[in-house]
Protein backbone atom coordinates (compact mmCIF):
# COMPACT_ATOMS: atom_id res chain seq x y z
CA ASP A 1 0.00 0.00 -0.14
CA VAL A 2 1.12 3.54 -0.64
CA GLU A 3 0.75 5.96 2.29
CA LEU A 4 -0.09 9.46 1.13
CA ALA A 5 0.71 12.62 3.27
CA ASP A 6 0.26 16.34 3.03
CA PRO A 7 3.93 17.74 2.43
CA THR A 8 2.81 21.14 3.12
CA PRO A 9 3.95 21.27 6.94
CA THR A 10 7.51 19.84 6.04
CA LEU A 11 7.86 22.45 3.17
CA ASP A 12 6.61 25.34 5.47
CA ASP A 13 9.38 24.43 7.93
CA LEU A 14 12.00 24.31 5.25
CA ARG A 15 11.02 27.83 4.20
CA VAL A 16 11.49 29.31 7.82
CA ILE A 17 15.10 29.54 7.86
CA LYS A 18 16.71 31.33 4.98
CA SER A 19 19.83 30.45 3.22
CA ASP A 20 22.50 33.17 2.48
CA ALA A 21 21.26 33.18 -1.08
CA GLU A 22 17.71 33.77 0.04
CA VAL A 23 18.86 36.50 2.42
CA ALA A 24 20.80 38.19 -0.24
CA LEU A 25 17.58 38.47 -2.25
CA ILE A 26 15.51 39.83 0.54
CA GLN A 27 18.29 42.39 1.17
CA GLN A 28 18.21 43.44 -2.47
CA SER A 29 14.25 43.63 -2.13
CA SER A 30 14.71 45.63 0.79
CA ASP A 31 17.14 48.01 -0.51
CA ILE A 32 14.72 48.53 -3.58
CA ALA A 33 11.88 49.21 -1.34
CA SER A 34 13.70 51.50 0.87
CA ASP A 35 14.87 53.63 -2.23
CA ALA A 36 11.11 53.75 -3.44
CA HIS A 37 9.96 55.14 -0.06
CA ILE A 38 12.73 57.74 -0.20
CA ASP A 39 11.45 58.59 -3.73
CA ALA A 40 7.90 58.88 -2.31
CA MET A 41 9.12 61.08 0.58
CA ARG A 42 10.87 63.30 -2.00
CA ALA A 43 7.95 63.73 -4.12
CA THR A 44 5.53 64.60 -1.33
CA LEU A 45 3.95 68.05 -1.17
CA PRO A 46 0.72 69.17 0.62
CA GLY A 47 -2.27 68.26 -1.63
CA ILE A 48 -0.73 65.38 -3.14
CA ALA A 49 -2.94 62.28 -4.12
CA GLU A 50 -2.56 59.19 -2.54
CA TRP A 51 -2.59 57.47 -5.97
CA GLU A 52 0.23 59.92 -7.01
CA ILE A 53 2.41 58.59 -4.01
CA GLN A 54 1.47 54.94 -5.18
CA SER A 55 2.60 55.58 -8.72
CA VAL A 56 6.00 56.92 -7.36
CA ILE A 57 6.48 53.82 -5.26
CA GLU A 58 5.44 51.34 -7.70
CA ALA A 59 7.33 53.04 -10.61
CA ALA A 60 10.54 52.87 -8.41
CA PHE A 61 9.81 49.18 -8.06
CA THR A 62 9.55 48.68 -11.92
CA ALA A 63 12.54 50.88 -12.66
CA ARG A 64 14.63 48.71 -10.42
CA GLU A 65 13.57 45.28 -12.08
CA SER A 66 11.20 44.21 -9.30
CA CYS A 67 7.41 44.18 -8.78
CA TRP A 68 5.15 44.79 -5.88
CA ALA A 69 4.88 42.00 -3.27
CA TYR A 70 1.28 43.23 -2.32
CA GLN A 71 -0.96 46.28 -3.27
CA SER A 72 0.60 49.35 -1.91
CA ILE A 73 -1.33 51.03 1.06
CA VAL A 74 -1.08 54.84 0.83
CA GLY A 75 -3.49 56.46 3.52
CA GLY A 76 -3.36 60.13 4.14
CA GLY A 77 -5.11 61.78 7.30
CA ASP A 78 -7.85 59.53 8.73
CA ASN A 79 -7.15 56.90 6.15
CA ALA A 80 -3.99 56.07 7.79
CA THR A 81 -6.05 54.76 10.82
CA ILE A 82 -7.63 52.16 8.58
CA LEU A 83 -5.79 48.70 8.51
CA HIS A 84 -5.16 47.58 5.07
CA TYR A 85 -6.77 50.70 3.43
CA LYS A 86 -6.14 50.12 -0.32
CA SER A 87 -8.40 52.57 -2.05
CA ASN A 88 -5.47 55.08 -2.39
CA SER A 89 -8.28 57.61 -3.72
CA ASP A 90 -8.08 60.90 -1.81
CA ARG A 91 -5.91 63.86 -1.84
CA ILE A 92 -3.97 64.55 1.28
CA ALA A 93 -4.48 67.86 3.05
CA GLU A 94 -1.72 70.18 4.37
CA GLY A 95 -0.80 69.22 7.99
CA ASP A 96 -1.86 65.53 7.42
CA LEU A 97 0.35 62.56 7.91
CA VAL A 98 0.53 59.78 5.12
CA LEU A 99 1.14 56.23 6.05
CA VAL A 100 2.66 54.18 3.23
CA ASP A 101 3.00 50.29 3.47
CA ALA A 102 4.69 48.99 0.41
CA GLY A 103 7.15 46.37 -0.56
CA CYS A 104 8.44 44.66 -3.59
CA GLU A 105 9.74 41.34 -4.80
CA VAL A 106 13.10 40.15 -6.33
CA SER A 107 13.01 36.72 -7.79
CA GLY A 108 9.92 35.96 -5.68
CA TYR A 109 11.28 37.03 -2.38
CA ALA A 110 9.31 40.01 -0.63
CA SER A 111 10.26 42.99 1.40
CA ASP A 112 7.64 44.93 3.41
CA ILE A 113 8.20 48.37 4.80
CA THR A 114 5.94 50.77 6.30
CA ARG A 115 6.77 54.57 6.88
CA THR A 116 4.71 57.55 8.15
CA TRP A 117 5.49 61.09 7.33
CA PRO A 118 4.02 64.59 7.26
CA VAL A 119 3.16 65.91 3.72
CA SER A 120 4.03 69.56 4.97
CA GLY A 121 7.45 68.67 6.05
CA SER A 122 7.09 68.93 9.81
CA PHE A 123 5.30 66.98 12.35
CA SER A 124 2.71 68.79 14.62
CA GLU A 125 3.25 68.45 18.33
CA PRO A 126 0.44 65.75 18.79
CA GLN A 127 1.88 63.87 15.48
CA ARG A 128 5.38 63.90 17.07
CA GLU A 129 4.29 62.46 20.31
CA ILE A 130 2.45 59.64 18.67
CA TYR A 131 5.17 58.85 16.19
CA GLU A 132 7.94 59.02 18.77
CA LEU A 133 6.06 56.73 21.00
CA VAL A 134 5.56 54.22 18.16
CA LEU A 135 9.16 54.43 17.21
CA LYS A 136 10.34 53.70 20.62
CA ALA A 137 8.14 50.73 20.86
CA GLN A 138 9.50 49.56 17.40
CA LEU A 139 13.22 49.92 18.51
CA GLU A 140 12.29 48.01 21.59
CA SER A 141 10.80 45.27 19.67
CA ILE A 142 13.41 44.94 17.29
CA GLU A 143 15.92 44.70 20.27
CA SER A 144 14.03 41.67 21.58
CA CYS A 145 14.40 39.69 18.27
CA GLN A 146 17.20 37.64 19.59
CA ALA A 147 17.84 34.00 18.80
CA GLY A 148 16.19 31.75 21.45
CA ASN A 149 13.54 34.45 22.49
CA PRO A 150 9.90 33.32 21.90
CA TRP A 151 8.08 34.71 19.00
CA THR A 152 5.70 36.79 21.34
CA SER A 153 8.86 38.61 23.05
CA MET A 154 8.66 41.37 20.21
CA HIS A 155 5.12 41.76 20.55
CA HIS A 156 5.21 41.91 24.43
CA ALA A 157 8.11 44.30 24.41
CA GLY A 158 6.47 46.82 21.99
CA SER A 159 3.18 46.55 23.76
CA ARG A 160 4.60 47.47 27.26
CA VAL A 161 6.11 50.57 25.61
CA LEU A 162 2.76 51.66 23.83
CA ALA A 163 0.83 50.98 26.91
CA GLN A 164 2.87 53.00 29.24
CA GLY A 165 3.09 55.72 26.66
CA LEU A 166 -0.73 55.90 26.28
CA ILE A 167 -0.80 56.33 30.07
CA GLU A 168 1.59 59.09 30.13
CA LEU A 169 -0.02 60.82 27.22
CA GLY A 170 -3.35 60.73 29.03
CA VAL A 171 -5.07 58.66 26.48
CA LEU A 172 -5.34 55.65 29.18
CA ASP A 173 -6.19 56.35 32.93
CA CYS A 174 -5.20 53.12 34.47
CA SER A 175 -2.21 51.18 35.67
CA LEU A 176 0.22 49.57 33.37
CA ASP A 177 -0.97 46.17 34.37
CA GLU A 178 -4.66 47.17 33.75
CA ALA A 179 -3.78 48.55 30.30
CA LEU A 180 -2.01 45.49 29.18
CA GLY A 181 -4.68 43.30 30.49
CA ASP A 182 -4.38 39.54 31.38
CA ASP A 183 -2.88 38.32 28.14
CA PHE A 184 -1.72 41.56 26.35
CA ASP A 185 -5.54 42.16 25.58
CA GLY A 186 -6.08 45.41 27.60
CA PRO A 187 -7.43 48.73 26.61
CA PHE A 188 -4.31 49.59 24.97
CA ARG A 189 -5.44 47.23 22.10
CA ASP A 190 -8.04 49.92 21.25
CA PHE A 191 -5.33 51.79 19.62
CA PHE A 192 -2.91 48.93 18.60
CA MET A 193 -5.16 46.39 17.33
CA HIS A 194 -2.86 43.89 15.17
CA GLY A 195 0.07 41.87 15.75
CA THR A 196 3.64 43.11 15.81
CA GLY A 197 5.01 41.01 12.98
CA HIS A 198 5.00 37.98 10.63
CA MET A 199 7.40 35.89 8.89
CA LEU A 200 8.83 37.10 5.42
CA GLY A 201 10.09 35.11 2.41
CA LEU A 202 8.63 33.83 -0.78
CA ASP A 203 5.39 35.35 0.47
CA VAL A 204 4.89 38.74 2.23
CA HIS A 205 2.91 36.87 4.99
CA ASP A 206 5.30 33.83 4.72
CA VAL A 207 4.54 30.38 6.19
CA GLY A 208 5.99 28.90 9.10
CA GLY A 209 3.83 30.02 11.90
CA GLY A 210 4.80 32.57 14.49
CA ARG A 211 1.83 34.86 14.26
CA GLN A 212 -0.37 35.70 17.28
CA GLY A 213 -3.35 33.36 17.37
CA ASP A 214 -1.57 30.57 15.52
CA ASP A 215 -2.20 27.02 16.64
CA GLY A 216 0.45 24.93 18.13
CA PRO A 217 3.39 25.47 20.38
CA GLU A 218 4.88 28.78 20.46
CA ARG A 219 7.79 29.01 18.03
CA LEU A 220 11.53 30.37 19.15
CA LEU A 221 13.35 32.75 16.99
CA GLU A 222 16.10 31.16 15.29
CA PRO A 223 19.21 32.46 13.39
CA GLY A 224 18.07 32.76 9.59
CA MET A 225 14.50 33.65 10.34
CA VAL A 226 13.43 36.95 8.55
CA LEU A 227 10.51 38.70 10.01
CA THR A 228 8.62 42.07 10.12
CA VAL A 229 8.52 44.38 13.04
CA GLU A 230 5.53 46.73 12.85
CA PRO A 231 3.79 48.34 15.87
CA GLY A 232 1.34 51.18 15.26
CA LEU A 233 -1.11 53.47 16.89
CA TYR A 234 -4.33 54.68 15.31
CA PHE A 235 -6.73 57.39 16.45
CA GLY A 236 -9.76 57.18 13.80
CA SER A 237 -12.01 60.18 13.99
CA TRP A 238 -14.49 57.89 12.48
CA ARG A 239 -14.68 55.44 15.43
CA ASN A 240 -17.80 55.61 17.54
CA ASP A 241 -17.09 52.53 19.68
CA LEU A 242 -14.93 54.60 22.04
CA LYS A 243 -13.77 58.01 22.78
CA VAL A 244 -10.78 59.10 20.67
CA PRO A 245 -8.92 61.89 22.37
CA GLU A 246 -9.45 65.25 20.26
CA ARG A 247 -5.82 65.95 20.39
CA TYR A 248 -4.82 62.77 18.52
CA SER A 249 -8.08 62.49 16.35
CA GLY A 250 -7.20 61.41 12.64
CA ILE A 251 -3.54 60.44 13.49
CA GLY A 252 -2.34 56.94 12.32
CA VAL A 253 1.16 55.82 12.79
CA ARG A 254 2.97 52.63 11.90
CA ILE A 255 6.70 51.96 11.41
CA GLU A 256 7.67 48.69 9.98
CA ASP A 257 11.08 47.12 9.06
CA ASP A 258 12.39 43.73 7.89
CA VAL A 259 14.54 42.11 10.27
CA LEU A 260 17.02 38.97 10.09
CA VAL A 261 17.63 37.15 13.24
CA THR A 262 21.30 36.15 13.80
CA THR A 263 23.62 34.71 16.46
CA GLU A 264 24.99 38.15 17.03
CA GLY A 265 21.53 39.97 17.35
CA PRO A 266 18.77 41.24 14.96
CA VAL A 267 19.99 42.93 11.57
CA VAL A 268 17.59 45.47 10.16
CA LEU A 269 17.63 44.71 6.34
CA THR A 270 15.54 47.99 5.63
CA SER A 271 17.94 50.28 7.74
CA SER A 272 18.54 52.49 4.66
CA CYS A 273 15.12 53.66 4.79
CA PRO A 274 14.65 56.87 7.09
CA LYS A 275 12.54 56.68 9.98
CA THR A 276 13.73 59.22 12.65
CA ILE A 277 11.72 62.47 12.91
CA LYS A 278 15.02 64.35 12.02
CA GLU A 279 15.80 62.38 8.86
CA ILE A 280 12.14 62.51 7.67
CA GLU A 281 11.66 66.18 8.27
CA ALA A 282 14.86 67.03 6.53
CA LEU A 283 14.00 64.98 3.55
CA VAL A 284 10.41 66.07 3.11
CA GLU A 285 11.39 69.73 4.06
CA LEU A 286 14.09 69.63 1.50
CA ILE A 287 11.86 68.88 -1.38
CA LYS A 288 9.19 71.23 -0.15
CA GLU A 289 11.91 74.06 -0.58
CA LYS A 290 13.19 72.67 -3.95
CA SER A 291 11.50 75.48 -5.91
CA PHE A 292 14.60 77.57 -5.02
CA ILE A 293 17.01 74.95 -6.32
CA GLY A 294 16.62 76.65 -9.78
CA VAL A 295 16.65 80.46 -8.54
CA MET A 296 20.08 80.87 -10.22
CA SER A 297 18.29 80.51 -13.75
CA HIS A 298 17.50 84.24 -13.68
CA LEU A 299 20.74 85.39 -12.10
CA ALA A 300 22.09 86.97 -15.42
CA ASN A 301 20.49 90.15 -14.92
CA ALA A 302 19.99 89.97 -10.95
CA ASP A 303 20.15 93.24 -9.17
CA LYS A 304 22.00 93.62 -5.71
CA ALA A 305 18.82 92.89 -3.66
CA GLU A 306 17.86 89.92 -5.66
CA TYR A 307 21.39 88.59 -5.33
CA GLU A 308 21.22 88.92 -1.57
CA SER A 309 17.89 87.37 -1.29
CA ASN A 310 19.13 84.40 -3.24
CA LYS A 311 22.13 84.00 -0.94
CA ALA A 312 19.73 83.85 1.91
CA GLN A 313 17.54 81.23 0.20
CA LEU A 314 20.81 79.17 -0.56
CA SER A 315 21.93 79.49 3.12
CA ARG A 316 18.53 78.09 4.03
CA PHE A 317 18.93 75.17 1.58
CA ARG A 318 22.31 74.32 3.11
CA GLU A 319 20.84 74.46 6.57
CA ILE A 320 18.21 71.76 5.45
CA VAL A 321 20.90 69.50 3.77
CA ALA A 322 22.98 69.89 6.99
CA LYS A 323 20.23 67.99 9.17
CA LEU A 324 20.48 64.86 6.91
CA ASP A 325 22.52 62.02 7.94
CA PRO A 326 25.62 61.88 5.58
CA ALA A 327 24.78 58.52 4.08
CA LEU A 328 21.13 59.66 3.42
CA ALA A 329 22.40 62.99 1.82
CA LEU A 330 24.72 60.92 -0.51
CA SER A 331 21.59 58.84 -1.34
CA ILE A 332 19.71 61.94 -2.25
CA ALA A 333 22.60 63.20 -4.35
CA ASN A 334 23.01 59.93 -6.29
CA SER A 335 19.23 59.81 -7.04
CA GLY A 336 18.15 63.28 -7.49
CA GLY A 337 21.00 65.58 -8.10
CA ILE A 338 20.69 67.54 -4.84
CA LEU A 339 24.42 67.77 -3.54
CA ASN A 340 26.27 68.88 -0.71
CA ILE A 341 29.75 70.15 0.24
CA PRO A 342 31.26 71.93 2.98
CA GLU A 343 30.71 75.60 3.55
CA SER A 344 34.46 76.40 2.97
CA HIS A 345 34.11 74.88 -0.39
CA PHE A 346 31.32 76.67 -1.46
CA GLU A 347 30.91 80.14 -3.80
CA TRP A 348 27.89 81.76 -4.74
CA VAL A 349 27.82 81.65 -8.59
CA ARG A 350 26.98 84.78 -10.68
CA PRO A 351 27.20 85.39 -14.35
CA GLY A 352 30.85 85.10 -15.49
CA ILE A 353 32.11 83.72 -12.09
CA MET A 354 33.29 80.23 -12.29
CA LEU A 355 31.40 77.24 -10.74
CA TYR A 356 33.42 76.21 -7.87
CA GLY A 357 33.58 72.65 -6.17
CA GLY A 358 36.58 73.01 -4.11
CA SER A 359 38.78 71.32 -6.66
CA PRO A 360 39.33 71.11 -10.50
CA SER A 361 36.56 69.04 -12.04
CA PRO A 362 34.72 68.85 -15.67
CA ARG A 363 31.96 71.33 -14.10
CA SER A 364 34.38 73.70 -12.46
CA ASP A 365 35.51 75.33 -15.74
CA LYS A 366 31.93 76.18 -16.87
CA ARG A 367 30.82 79.63 -16.46
CA LEU A 368 27.30 81.07 -16.33
CA LYS A 369 26.29 83.21 -19.26
CA ALA A 370 23.31 85.52 -19.65
CA GLY A 371 20.16 83.59 -20.23
CA MET A 372 21.69 80.41 -19.22
CA THR A 373 19.33 78.19 -16.81
CA LEU A 374 20.91 76.23 -14.11
CA THR A 375 18.65 74.16 -12.21
CA ALA A 376 20.75 71.61 -10.43
CA PRO A 377 23.18 71.11 -8.79
CA VAL A 378 23.78 74.42 -6.88
CA ILE A 379 26.02 72.36 -4.48
CA SER A 380 28.37 69.69 -5.30
CA ILE A 381 30.15 66.65 -3.51
CA ASN A 382 34.02 66.42 -3.66
């Protein structure tokens, strides 16, 4: 007699631990998705449509020989508080946050990133409070992704941070134990209603177990596992099942990275995607102010007052660039032509004055002429 058995459980287990070749493909996918999110941040201005951000993201995937791993989520304002919102059909008002959950595939291996940023370039104080709390929870969750820890360790670590933060912000009026509940099912879940992560691989929600609510014994984290870490807080103004604090009404924040478990600790595969407030504000604000990158196009006949005004604008531009992490500044330079050099190596260019880059280069011997249009770069890297 021939005994037949379902091979799925065996195949699922084989997919849990990634080989070096598989990790390399996920890293490539993560790098492409990170670049796509940066492209989207760079393109963001108040009034932009959700579908326009989606088009930037998915065009970046295609341009880098990949495809989307799942339908991109782009939710502005209140739409960011709707889990798995996929309509992407509204415009995003000035002052609102946009939540973008988008990842791609390379040779079948997925990435999965979520970032949240202000379309106006700066977080409001309430937005900043919620964002910093979610980021703190995410960093704590990532740190708990140590080989040998139970799967739920990252969920519990992040949940404790979120619950304590909600108490300190006045959203919850109870003790930490009461906020967490008997099984991490307390009132903090009113604002954080999903799991903290899932397996990642040949599927964006990959097989192998590990998610909250799965049957069977709890899985321990092992070297070679790749998983997502994605806490969030959501304060939908549309909710009628509980009282949403007016201060945070309409704010939704999620931050998600892809993490490789190793014997030396967690490795964030999506670390090139900006997520600190300083990085995000500098990047989005840089683009918001990009209109003056081309101010030199009419300098041929500029009078003294106009020249002095342009100098002030360029000084402001340099201040924004200076906020960026050097690696991020270089990434922007390579992808968008917005470049940076030390103050000591810069001279304002006027008609007939040599473009100066601190050392001889093919660009440095060109001179501005009347009527010449110069859009970028206004600053260069040595």
